[in-house]
């Protein structure tokens, strides 16, 4: 499930990009994790066909959102999922800052 053959990867649609911007804006811009959580979950579902490095970053952000909502188990699950994706095929393309952030988040 974490491995997507290159032929299956297609760029996000305009609506998916719009949803991503809305989710990130709610979390980082508005600092509203309650609003951001369902938006991030929807984005993760629509980004399932995207490369592992992109999905890893989304799981890390949603993990931060769970931390802000004081939901440590859900946060740990997302940080772990981020690390699994980063350690698998395609994960090497992830932003190098994601791995330490996910480890730190999981340790909280």
PDB file of N, CA and C in Angstrom:
ATOM      1  N   UNK A   1       0.826  -1.203   0.000  1.00  0.00           N
ATOM      2  CA  UNK A   1       0.000   0.000   0.000  1.00  0.00           C
ATOM      3  C   UNK A   1       0.864   1.257   0.000  1.00  0.00           C
ATOM      4  N   UNK A   2       2.035   1.201   0.629  1.00  0.00           N
ATOM      5  CA  UNK A   2       2.895   2.376   0.657  1.00  0.00           C
ATOM      6  C   UNK A   2       3.633   2.575  -0.656  1.00  0.00           C
ATOM      7  N   UNK A   3       3.751   1.523  -1.440  1.00  0.00           N
ATOM      8  CA  UNK A   3       4.458   1.605  -2.711  1.00  0.00           C
ATOM      9  C   UNK A   3       3.462   1.893  -3.820  1.00  0.00           C
ATOM     10  N   UNK A   4       3.681   2.956  -4.536  1.00  0.00           N
ATOM     11  CA  UNK A   4       2.835   3.291  -5.670  1.00  0.00           C
ATOM     12  C   UNK A   4       3.699   3.202  -6.911  1.00  0.00           C
ATOM     13  N   UNK A   5       3.318   2.359  -7.875  1.00  0.00           N
ATOM     14  CA  UNK A   5       4.113   2.316  -9.099  1.00  0.00           C
ATOM     15  C   UNK A   5       4.122   3.684  -9.766  1.00  0.00           C
ATOM     16  N   UNK A   6       5.235   4.083 -10.371  1.00  0.00           N
ATOM     17  CA  UNK A   6       5.327   5.415 -10.981  1.00  0.00           C
ATOM     18  C   UNK A   6       4.182   5.733 -11.924  1.00  0.00           C
ATOM     19  N   UNK A   7       3.677   4.755 -12.660  1.00  0.00           N
ATOM     20  CA  UNK A   7       2.596   5.019 -13.615  1.00  0.00           C
ATOM     21  C   UNK A   7       1.308   5.428 -12.908  1.00  0.00           C
ATOM     22  N   UNK A   8       1.146   5.023 -11.650  1.00  0.00           N
ATOM     23  CA  UNK A   8      -0.088   5.323 -10.921  1.00  0.00           C
ATOM     24  C   UNK A   8      -0.088   6.724 -10.323  1.00  0.00           C
ATOM     25  N   UNK A   9       1.077   7.347 -10.259  1.00  0.00           N
ATOM     26  CA  UNK A   9       1.180   8.669  -9.661  1.00  0.00           C
ATOM     27  C   UNK A   9       0.748   9.717 -10.683  1.00  0.00           C
ATOM     28  N   UNK A  10      -0.197  10.536 -10.286  1.00  0.00           N
ATOM     29  CA  UNK A  10      -0.598  11.651 -11.131  1.00  0.00           C
ATOM     30  C   UNK A  10      -0.624  12.893 -10.259  1.00  0.00           C
ATOM     31  N   UNK A  11      -0.366  14.040 -10.853  1.00  0.00           N
ATOM     32  CA  UNK A  11      -0.335  15.261 -10.053  1.00  0.00           C
ATOM     33  C   UNK A  11      -1.679  15.501  -9.368  1.00  0.00           C
ATOM     34  N   UNK A  12      -1.654  16.181  -8.225  1.00  0.00           N
ATOM     35  CA  UNK A  12      -2.920  16.517  -7.567  1.00  0.00           C
ATOM     36  C   UNK A  12      -3.771  17.405  -8.476  1.00  0.00           C
ATOM     37  N   UNK A  13      -5.068  17.256  -8.347  1.00  0.00           N
ATOM     38  CA  UNK A  13      -5.979  18.097  -9.114  1.00  0.00           C
ATOM     39  C   UNK A  13      -6.006  19.497  -8.507  1.00  0.00           C
ATOM     40  N   UNK A  14      -6.597  20.427  -9.230  1.00  0.00           N
ATOM     41  CA  UNK A  14      -6.730  21.787  -8.692  1.00  0.00           C
ATOM     42  C   UNK A  14      -7.532  21.782  -7.404  1.00  0.00           C
ATOM     43  N   UNK A  15      -8.592  20.985  -7.344  1.00  0.00           N
ATOM     44  CA  UNK A  15      -9.406  20.908  -6.119  1.00  0.00           C
ATOM     45  C   UNK A  15      -8.616  20.315  -4.962  1.00  0.00           C
ATOM     46  N   UNK A  16      -7.767  19.313  -5.245  1.00  0.00           N
ATOM     47  CA  UNK A  16      -6.946  18.723  -4.185  1.00  0.00           C
ATOM     48  C   UNK A  16      -5.929  19.735  -3.663  1.00  0.00           C
ATOM     49  N   UNK A  17      -5.358  20.514  -4.546  1.00  0.00           N
ATOM     50  CA  UNK A  17      -4.410  21.554  -4.125  1.00  0.00           C
ATOM     51  C   UNK A  17      -5.136  22.618  -3.305  1.00  0.00           C
ATOM     52  N   UNK A  18      -6.325  22.972  -3.739  1.00  0.00           N
ATOM     53  CA  UNK A  18      -7.123  23.954  -2.988  1.00  0.00           C
ATOM     54  C   UNK A  18      -7.428  23.425  -1.583  1.00  0.00           C
ATOM     55  N   UNK A  19      -7.798  22.148  -1.478  1.00  0.00           N
ATOM     56  CA  UNK A  19      -8.081  21.539  -0.174  1.00  0.00           C
ATOM     57  C   UNK A  19      -6.836  21.518   0.698  1.00  0.00           C
ATOM     58  N   UNK A  20      -5.698  21.218   0.084  1.00  0.00           N
ATOM     59  CA  UNK A  20      -4.438  21.213   0.830  1.00  0.00           C
ATOM     60  C   UNK A  20      -4.133  22.599   1.382  1.00  0.00           C
ATOM     61  N   UNK A  21      -4.286  23.611   0.546  1.00  0.00           N
ATOM     62  CA  UNK A  21      -4.034  24.988   1.006  1.00  0.00           C
ATOM     63  C   UNK A  21      -4.976  25.380   2.135  1.00  0.00           C
ATOM     64  N   UNK A  22      -6.234  24.973   2.018  1.00  0.00           N
ATOM     65  CA  UNK A  22      -7.213  25.287   3.065  1.00  0.00           C
ATOM     66  C   UNK A  22      -6.827  24.608   4.381  1.00  0.00           C
ATOM     67  N   UNK A  23      -6.429  23.342   4.308  1.00  0.00           N
ATOM     68  CA  UNK A  23      -6.045  22.601   5.513  1.00  0.00           C
ATOM     69  C   UNK A  23      -4.808  23.215   6.162  1.00  0.00           C
ATOM     70  N   UNK A  24      -3.786  23.489   5.357  1.00  0.00           N
ATOM     71  CA  UNK A  24      -2.564  24.079   5.907  1.00  0.00           C
ATOM     72  C   UNK A  24      -2.825  25.482   6.435  1.00  0.00           C
ATOM     73  N   UNK A  25      -3.694  26.229   5.761  1.00  0.00           N
ATOM     74  CA  UNK A  25      -4.045  27.561   6.234  1.00  0.00           C
ATOM     75  C   UNK A  25      -4.766  27.526   7.571  1.00  0.00           C
ATOM     76  N   UNK A  26      -5.647  26.547   7.727  1.00  0.00           N
ATOM     77  CA  UNK A  26      -6.379  26.410   8.996  1.00  0.00           C
ATOM     78  C   UNK A  26      -5.412  26.086  10.137  1.00  0.00           C
ATOM     79  N   UNK A  27      -4.438  25.222   9.855  1.00  0.00           N
ATOM     80  CA  UNK A  27      -3.532  24.807  10.927  1.00  0.00           C
ATOM     81  C   UNK A  27      -2.431  25.831  11.195  1.00  0.00           C
ATOM     82  N   UNK A  28      -1.733  26.232  10.143  1.00  0.00           N
ATOM     83  CA  UNK A  28      -0.585  27.133  10.324  1.00  0.00           C
ATOM     84  C   UNK A  28      -0.977  28.604  10.334  1.00  0.00           C
ATOM     85  N   UNK A  29      -1.917  28.987   9.489  1.00  0.00           N
ATOM     86  CA  UNK A  29      -2.306  30.387   9.396  1.00  0.00           C
ATOM     87  C   UNK A  29      -3.264  30.799  10.500  1.00  0.00           C
ATOM     88  N   UNK A  30      -4.385  30.083  10.584  1.00  0.00           N
ATOM     89  CA  UNK A  30      -5.408  30.409  11.589  1.00  0.00           C
ATOM     90  C   UNK A  30      -5.089  29.830  12.959  1.00  0.00           C
ATOM     91  N   UNK A  31      -4.168  28.865  12.990  1.00  0.00           N
ATOM     92  CA  UNK A  31      -3.836  28.156  14.235  1.00  0.00           C
ATOM     93  C   UNK A  31      -5.089  27.553  14.861  1.00  0.00           C
ATOM     94  N   UNK A  32      -5.857  26.867  14.004  1.00  0.00           N
ATOM     95  CA  UNK A  32      -7.127  26.272  14.414  1.00  0.00           C
ATOM     96  C   UNK A  32      -7.075  24.770  14.137  1.00  0.00           C
ATOM     97  N   UNK A  33      -6.494  23.981  15.066  1.00  0.00           N
ATOM     98  CA  UNK A  33      -6.358  22.545  14.815  1.00  0.00           C
ATOM     99  C   UNK A  33      -7.702  21.816  14.706  1.00  0.00           C
ATOM    100  N   UNK A  34      -8.726  22.293  15.398  1.00  0.00           N
ATOM    101  CA  UNK A  34     -10.042  21.639  15.282  1.00  0.00           C
ATOM    102  C   UNK A  34     -10.588  21.751  13.871  1.00  0.00           C
ATOM    103  N   UNK A  35     -10.416  22.879  13.259  1.00  0.00           N
ATOM    104  CA  UNK A  35     -10.851  23.066  11.876  1.00  0.00           C
ATOM    105  C   UNK A  35      -9.932  22.299  10.922  1.00  0.00           C
ATOM    106  N   UNK A  36      -8.639  22.290  11.222  1.00  0.00           N
ATOM    107  CA  UNK A  36      -7.658  21.684  10.325  1.00  0.00           C
ATOM    108  C   UNK A  36      -7.737  20.158  10.291  1.00  0.00           C
ATOM    109  N   UNK A  37      -8.069  19.524  11.400  1.00  0.00           N
ATOM    110  CA  UNK A  37      -8.015  18.064  11.472  1.00  0.00           C
ATOM    111  C   UNK A  37      -8.862  17.374  10.400  1.00  0.00           C
ATOM    112  N   UNK A  38     -10.157  17.664  10.279  1.00  0.00           N
ATOM    113  CA  UNK A  38     -10.917  16.981   9.227  1.00  0.00           C
ATOM    114  C   UNK A  38     -10.449  17.354   7.824  1.00  0.00           C
ATOM    115  N   UNK A  39      -9.956  18.571   7.674  1.00  0.00           N
ATOM    116  CA  UNK A  39      -9.442  18.985   6.367  1.00  0.00           C
ATOM    117  C   UNK A  39      -8.185  18.190   6.005  1.00  0.00           C
ATOM    118  N   UNK A  40      -7.283  18.023   6.969  1.00  0.00           N
ATOM    119  CA  UNK A  40      -6.067  17.248   6.734  1.00  0.00           C
ATOM    120  C   UNK A  40      -6.391  15.781   6.456  1.00  0.00           C
ATOM    121  N   UNK A  41      -7.364  15.239   7.162  1.00  0.00           N
ATOM    122  CA  UNK A  41      -7.774  13.853   6.939  1.00  0.00           C
ATOM    123  C   UNK A  41      -8.308  13.673   5.518  1.00  0.00           C
ATOM    124  N   UNK A  42      -9.112  14.616   5.065  1.00  0.00           N
ATOM    125  CA  UNK A  42      -9.630  14.552   3.689  1.00  0.00           C
ATOM    126  C   UNK A  42      -8.499  14.664   2.671  1.00  0.00           C
ATOM    127  N   UNK A  43      -7.543  15.549   2.944  1.00  0.00           N
ATOM    128  CA  UNK A  43      -6.411  15.705   2.035  1.00  0.00           C
ATOM    129  C   UNK A  43      -5.605  14.409   1.977  1.00  0.00           C
ATOM    130  N   UNK A  44      -5.367  13.797   3.122  1.00  0.00           N
ATOM    131  CA  UNK A  44      -4.627  12.538   3.138  1.00  0.00           C
ATOM    132  C   UNK A  44      -5.337  11.479   2.298  1.00  0.00           C
ATOM    133  N   UNK A  45      -6.649  11.420   2.394  1.00  0.00           N
ATOM    134  CA  UNK A  45      -7.402  10.439   1.604  1.00  0.00           C
ATOM    135  C   UNK A  45      -7.270  10.730   0.112  1.00  0.00           C
ATOM    136  N   UNK A  46      -7.352  11.983  -0.266  1.00  0.00           N
ATOM    137  CA  UNK A  46      -7.268  12.317  -1.690  1.00  0.00           C
ATOM    138  C   UNK A  46      -5.837  12.231  -2.216  1.00  0.00           C
ATOM    139  N   UNK A  47      -4.841  12.279  -1.335  1.00  0.00           N
ATOM    140  CA  UNK A  47      -3.441  12.210  -1.755  1.00  0.00           C
ATOM    141  C   UNK A  47      -2.881  10.788  -1.693  1.00  0.00           C
ATOM    142  N   UNK A  48      -3.719   9.775  -1.497  1.00  0.00           N
ATOM    143  CA  UNK A  48      -3.236   8.392  -1.410  1.00  0.00           C
ATOM    144  C   UNK A  48      -2.445   7.975  -2.644  1.00  0.00           C
ATOM    145  N   UNK A  49      -2.735   8.545  -3.788  1.00  0.00           N
ATOM    146  CA  UNK A  49      -2.032   8.158  -5.013  1.00  0.00           C
ATOM    147  C   UNK A  49      -0.746   8.966  -5.222  1.00  0.00           C
ATOM    148  N   UNK A  50      -0.446   9.865  -4.306  1.00  0.00           N
ATOM    149  CA  UNK A  50       0.756  10.695  -4.427  1.00  0.00           C
ATOM    150  C   UNK A  50       1.975   9.936  -3.888  1.00  0.00           C
ATOM    151  N   UNK A  51       3.167  10.393  -4.243  1.00  0.00           N
ATOM    152  CA  UNK A  51       4.395   9.715  -3.806  1.00  0.00           C
ATOM    153  C   UNK A  51       4.519   9.682  -2.280  1.00  0.00           C
ATOM    154  N   UNK A  52       5.247   8.681  -1.777  1.00  0.00           N
ATOM    155  CA  UNK A  52       5.405   8.508  -0.329  1.00  0.00           C
ATOM    156  C   UNK A  52       5.973   9.729   0.387  1.00  0.00           C
ATOM    157  N   UNK A  53       6.900  10.456  -0.247  1.00  0.00           N
ATOM    158  CA  UNK A  53       7.494  11.607   0.434  1.00  0.00           C
ATOM    159  C   UNK A  53       6.454  12.688   0.699  1.00  0.00           C
ATOM    160  N   UNK A  54       5.522  12.867  -0.222  1.00  0.00           N
ATOM    161  CA  UNK A  54       4.478  13.886  -0.028  1.00  0.00           C
ATOM    162  C   UNK A  54       3.484  13.455   1.049  1.00  0.00           C
ATOM    163  N   UNK A  55       3.132  12.186   1.035  1.00  0.00           N
ATOM    164  CA  UNK A  55       2.200  11.686   2.056  1.00  0.00           C
ATOM    165  C   UNK A  55       2.840  11.699   3.436  1.00  0.00           C
ATOM    166  N   UNK A  56       4.138  11.416   3.494  1.00  0.00           N
ATOM    167  CA  UNK A  56       4.846  11.446   4.780  1.00  0.00           C
ATOM    168  C   UNK A  56       4.733  12.833   5.410  1.00  0.00           C
ATOM    169  N   UNK A  57       4.930  13.862   4.617  1.00  0.00           N
ATOM    170  CA  UNK A  57       4.843  15.228   5.134  1.00  0.00           C
ATOM    171  C   UNK A  57       3.443  15.523   5.660  1.00  0.00           C
ATOM    172  N   UNK A  58       2.428  15.032   4.962  1.00  0.00           N
ATOM    173  CA  UNK A  58       1.044  15.267   5.408  1.00  0.00           C
ATOM    174  C   UNK A  58       0.752  14.542   6.717  1.00  0.00           C
ATOM    175  N   UNK A  59       1.252  13.317   6.860  1.00  0.00           N
ATOM    176  CA  UNK A  59       1.055  12.605   8.135  1.00  0.00           C
ATOM    177  C   UNK A  59       1.767  13.334   9.268  1.00  0.00           C
ATOM    178  N   UNK A  60       2.939  13.902   8.981  1.00  0.00           N
ATOM    179  CA  UNK A  60       3.664  14.634  10.027  1.00  0.00           C
ATOM    180  C   UNK A  60       2.884  15.866  10.458  1.00  0.00           C
ATOM    181  N   UNK A  61       2.321  16.589   9.508  1.00  0.00           N
ATOM    182  CA  UNK A  61       1.528  17.781   9.846  1.00  0.00           C
ATOM    183  C   UNK A  61       0.278  17.382  10.625  1.00  0.00           C
ATOM    184  N   UNK A  62      -0.402  16.311  10.188  1.00  0.00           N
ATOM    185  CA  UNK A  62      -1.590  15.902  10.936  1.00  0.00           C
ATOM    186  C   UNK A  62      -1.198  15.426  12.337  1.00  0.00           C
ATOM    187  N   UNK A  63      -0.020  14.815  12.473  1.00  0.00           N
ATOM    188  CA  UNK A  63       0.465  14.441  13.804  1.00  0.00           C
ATOM    189  C   UNK A  63       0.624  15.669  14.687  1.00  0.00           C
ATOM    190  N   UNK A  64       1.159  16.740  14.124  1.00  0.00           N
ATOM    191  CA  UNK A  64       1.276  17.994  14.880  1.00  0.00           C
ATOM    192  C   UNK A  64      -0.099  18.523  15.266  1.00  0.00           C
ATOM    193  N   UNK A  65      -1.050  18.349  14.386  1.00  0.00           N
ATOM    194  CA  UNK A  65      -2.419  18.792  14.661  1.00  0.00           C
ATOM    195  C   UNK A  65      -2.998  17.993  15.842  1.00  0.00           C
ATOM    196  N   UNK A  66      -2.781  16.683  15.825  1.00  0.00           N
ATOM    197  CA  UNK A  66      -3.250  15.845  16.940  1.00  0.00           C
ATOM    198  C   UNK A  66      -2.588  16.271  18.250  1.00  0.00           C
ATOM    199  N   UNK A  67      -1.308  16.610  18.203  1.00  0.00           N
ATOM    200  CA  UNK A  67      -0.616  17.082  19.415  1.00  0.00           C
ATOM    201  C   UNK A  67      -1.303  18.348  19.929  1.00  0.00           C
ATOM    202  N   UNK A  68      -1.602  19.258  19.022  1.00  0.00           N
ATOM    203  CA  UNK A  68      -2.256  20.509  19.425  1.00  0.00           C
ATOM    204  C   UNK A  68      -3.627  20.248  20.046  1.00  0.00           C
ATOM    205  N   UNK A  69      -4.268  19.159  19.628  1.00  0.00           N
ATOM    206  CA  UNK A  69      -5.591  18.804  20.174  1.00  0.00           C
ATOM    207  C   UNK A  69      -5.493  17.882  21.385  1.00  0.00           C
ATOM    208  N   UNK A  70      -4.254  17.640  21.843  1.00  0.00           N
ATOM    209  CA  UNK A  70      -3.999  16.780  23.002  1.00  0.00           C
ATOM    210  C   UNK A  70      -4.530  15.357  22.779  1.00  0.00           C
ATOM    211  N   UNK A  71      -4.199  14.832  21.605  1.00  0.00           N
ATOM    212  CA  UNK A  71      -4.548  13.457  21.235  1.00  0.00           C
ATOM    213  C   UNK A  71      -3.245  12.709  20.916  1.00  0.00           C
ATOM    214  N   UNK A  72      -2.493  12.353  21.987  1.00  0.00           N
ATOM    215  CA  UNK A  72      -1.142  11.823  21.777  1.00  0.00           C
ATOM    216  C   UNK A  72      -1.077  10.487  21.036  1.00  0.00           C
ATOM    217  N   UNK A  73      -2.033   9.588  21.246  1.00  0.00           N
ATOM    218  CA  UNK A  73      -1.950   8.291  20.569  1.00  0.00           C
ATOM    219  C   UNK A  73      -2.141   8.438  19.059  1.00  0.00           C
ATOM    220  N   UNK A  74      -3.112   9.263  18.668  1.00  0.00           N
ATOM    221  CA  UNK A  74      -3.330   9.491  17.247  1.00  0.00           C
ATOM    222  C   UNK A  74      -2.111  10.187  16.626  1.00  0.00           C
ATOM    223  N   UNK A  75      -1.518  11.108  17.391  1.00  0.00           N
ATOM    224  CA  UNK A  75      -0.312  11.800  16.912  1.00  0.00           C
ATOM    225  C   UNK A  75       0.822  10.800  16.711  1.00  0.00           C
ATOM    226  N   UNK A  76       1.046   9.935  17.692  1.00  0.00           N
ATOM    227  CA  UNK A  76       2.118   8.939  17.584  1.00  0.00           C
ATOM    228  C   UNK A  76       1.895   8.033  16.374  1.00  0.00           C
ATOM    229  N   UNK A  77       0.640   7.667  16.131  1.00  0.00           N
ATOM    230  CA  UNK A  77       0.332   6.826  14.964  1.00  0.00           C
ATOM    231  C   UNK A  77       0.710   7.534  13.666  1.00  0.00           C
ATOM    232  N   UNK A  78       0.371   8.824  13.558  1.00  0.00           N
ATOM    233  CA  UNK A  78       0.693   9.565  12.337  1.00  0.00           C
ATOM    234  C   UNK A  78       2.196   9.795  12.189  1.00  0.00           C
ATOM    235  N   UNK A  79       2.881  10.093  13.277  1.00  0.00           N
ATOM    236  CA  UNK A  79       4.332  10.269  13.196  1.00  0.00           C
ATOM    237  C   UNK A  79       4.998   8.957  12.784  1.00  0.00           C
ATOM    238  N   UNK A  80       4.496   7.837  13.306  1.00  0.00           N
ATOM    239  CA  UNK A  80       5.041   6.530  12.926  1.00  0.00           C
ATOM    240  C   UNK A  80       4.784   6.252  11.449  1.00  0.00           C
ATOM    241  N   UNK A  81       3.587   6.563  10.988  1.00  0.00           N
ATOM    242  CA  UNK A  81       3.249   6.366   9.571  1.00  0.00           C
ATOM    243  C   UNK A  81       4.169   7.227   8.695  1.00  0.00           C
ATOM    244  N   UNK A  82       4.436   8.430   9.119  1.00  0.00           N
ATOM    245  CA  UNK A  82       5.359   9.313   8.400  1.00  0.00           C
ATOM    246  C   UNK A  82       6.723   8.647   8.263  1.00  0.00           C
ATOM    247  N   UNK A  83       7.233   8.107   9.348  1.00  0.00           N
ATOM    248  CA  UNK A  83       8.555   7.479   9.337  1.00  0.00           C
ATOM    249  C   UNK A  83       8.569   6.226   8.464  1.00  0.00           C
ATOM    250  N   UNK A  84       7.500   5.438   8.507  1.00  0.00           N
ATOM    251  CA  UNK A  84       7.409   4.248   7.653  1.00  0.00           C
ATOM    252  C   UNK A  84       7.487   4.660   6.186  1.00  0.00           C
ATOM    253  N   UNK A  85       6.723   5.676   5.820  1.00  0.00           N
ATOM    254  CA  UNK A  85       6.740   6.145   4.431  1.00  0.00           C
ATOM    255  C   UNK A  85       8.118   6.673   4.041  1.00  0.00           C
ATOM    256  N   UNK A  86       8.765   7.386   4.950  1.00  0.00           N
ATOM    257  CA  UNK A  86      10.080   7.952   4.651  1.00  0.00           C
ATOM    258  C   UNK A  86      11.160   6.877   4.542  1.00  0.00           C
ATOM    259  N   UNK A  87      10.976   5.774   5.247  1.00  0.00           N
ATOM    260  CA  UNK A  87      11.975   4.703   5.227  1.00  0.00           C
ATOM    261  C   UNK A  87      11.741   3.711   4.095  1.00  0.00           C
ATOM    262  N   UNK A  88      10.627   3.852   3.387  1.00  0.00           N
ATOM    263  CA  UNK A  88      10.318   2.948   2.287  1.00  0.00           C
ATOM    264  C   UNK A  88      10.734   3.542   0.947  1.00  0.00           C
ATOM    265  N   UNK A  89      10.435   2.808  -0.125  1.00  0.00           N
ATOM    266  CA  UNK A  89      10.757   3.287  -1.469  1.00  0.00           C
ATOM    267  C   UNK A  89      10.110   4.639  -1.752  1.00  0.00           C
ATOM    268  N   UNK A  90      10.891   5.574  -2.242  1.00  0.00           N
ATOM    269  CA  UNK A  90      10.399   6.914  -2.549  1.00  0.00           C
ATOM    270  C   UNK A  90      10.514   7.878  -1.385  1.00  0.00           C
ATOM    271  N   UNK A  91      10.692   7.363  -0.193  1.00  0.00           N
ATOM    272  CA  UNK A  91      10.789   8.213   0.987  1.00  0.00           C
ATOM    273  C   UNK A  91      12.045   9.052   1.033  1.00  0.00           C
ATOM    274  N   UNK A  92      13.061   8.625   0.282  1.00  0.00           N
ATOM    275  CA  UNK A  92      14.327   9.368   0.288  1.00  0.00           C
ATOM    276  C   UNK A  92      14.179  10.757  -0.333  1.00  0.00           C
ATOM    277  N   UNK A  93      13.095  10.992  -1.044  1.00  0.00           N
ATOM    278  CA  UNK A  93      12.869  12.317  -1.653  1.00  0.00           C
ATOM    279  C   UNK A  93      12.224  13.310  -0.679  1.00  0.00           C
ATOM    280  N   UNK A  94      11.891  12.853   0.507  1.00  0.00           N
ATOM    281  CA  UNK A  94      11.242  13.730   1.492  1.00  0.00           C
ATOM    282  C   UNK A  94      12.199  14.819   1.961  1.00  0.00           C
ATOM    283  N   UNK A  95      11.624  15.914   2.392  1.00  0.00           N
ATOM    284  CA  UNK A  95      12.401  17.001   2.981  1.00  0.00           C
ATOM    285  C   UNK A  95      13.189  16.426   4.163  1.00  0.00           C
ATOM    286  N   UNK A  96      14.487  16.667   4.224  1.00  0.00           N
ATOM    287  CA  UNK A  96      15.300  16.105   5.309  1.00  0.00           C
ATOM    288  C   UNK A  96      14.844  16.515   6.708  1.00  0.00           C
ATOM    289  N   UNK A  97      14.133  17.622   6.827  1.00  0.00           N
ATOM    290  CA  UNK A  97      13.681  18.062   8.160  1.00  0.00           C
ATOM    291  C   UNK A  97      12.504  17.236   8.670  1.00  0.00           C
ATOM    292  N   UNK A  98      11.831  16.496   7.792  1.00  0.00           N
ATOM    293  CA  UNK A  98      10.645  15.736   8.215  1.00  0.00           C
ATOM    294  C   UNK A  98      10.985  14.617   9.203  1.00  0.00           C
ATOM    295  N   UNK A  99      12.078  13.894   8.941  1.00  0.00           N
ATOM    296  CA  UNK A  99      12.412  12.743   9.798  1.00  0.00           C
ATOM    297  C   UNK A  99      12.640  13.155  11.254  1.00  0.00           C
ATOM    298  N   UNK A 100      13.505  14.152  11.536  1.00  0.00           N
ATOM    299  CA  UNK A 100      13.682  14.520  12.951  1.00  0.00           C
ATOM    300  C   UNK A 100      12.412  15.099  13.566  1.00  0.00           C
ATOM    301  N   UNK A 101      11.617  15.813  12.775  1.00  0.00           N
ATOM    302  CA  UNK A 101      10.359  16.355  13.320  1.00  0.00           C
ATOM    303  C   UNK A 101       9.390  15.228  13.673  1.00  0.00           C
ATOM    304  N   UNK A 102       9.330  14.206  12.835  1.00  0.00           N
ATOM    305  CA  UNK A 102       8.438  13.082  13.116  1.00  0.00           C
ATOM    306  C   UNK A 102       8.931  12.299  14.335  1.00  0.00           C
ATOM    307  N   UNK A 103      10.237  12.114  14.444  1.00  0.00           N
ATOM    308  CA  UNK A 103      10.784  11.411  15.616  1.00  0.00           C
ATOM    309  C   UNK A 103      10.511  12.188  16.894  1.00  0.00           C
ATOM    310  N   UNK A 104      10.713  13.495  16.829  1.00  0.00           N
ATOM    311  CA  UNK A 104      10.447  14.333  17.994  1.00  0.00           C
ATOM    312  C   UNK A 104       8.967  14.278  18.364  1.00  0.00           C
ATOM    313  N   UNK A 105       8.101  14.397  17.391  1.00  0.00           N
ATOM    314  CA  UNK A 105       6.675  14.335  17.646  1.00  0.00           C
ATOM    315  C   UNK A 105       6.256  13.017  18.256  1.00  0.00           C
ATOM    316  N   UNK A 106       6.802  11.914  17.738  1.00  0.00           N
ATOM    317  CA  UNK A 106       6.449  10.590  18.265  1.00  0.00           C
ATOM    318  C   UNK A 106       6.937  10.424  19.696  1.00  0.00           C
ATOM    319  N   UNK A 107       8.058  11.066  20.036  1.00  0.00           N
ATOM    320  CA  UNK A 107       8.614  10.951  21.388  1.00  0.00           C
ATOM    321  C   UNK A 107       7.815  11.746  22.415  1.00  0.00           C
ATOM    322  N   UNK A 108       7.037  12.738  21.941  1.00  0.00           N
ATOM    323  CA  UNK A 108       6.270  13.555  22.894  1.00  0.00           C
ATOM    324  C   UNK A 108       5.240  12.686  23.519  1.00  0.00           C
TER     325      UNK A 108
END
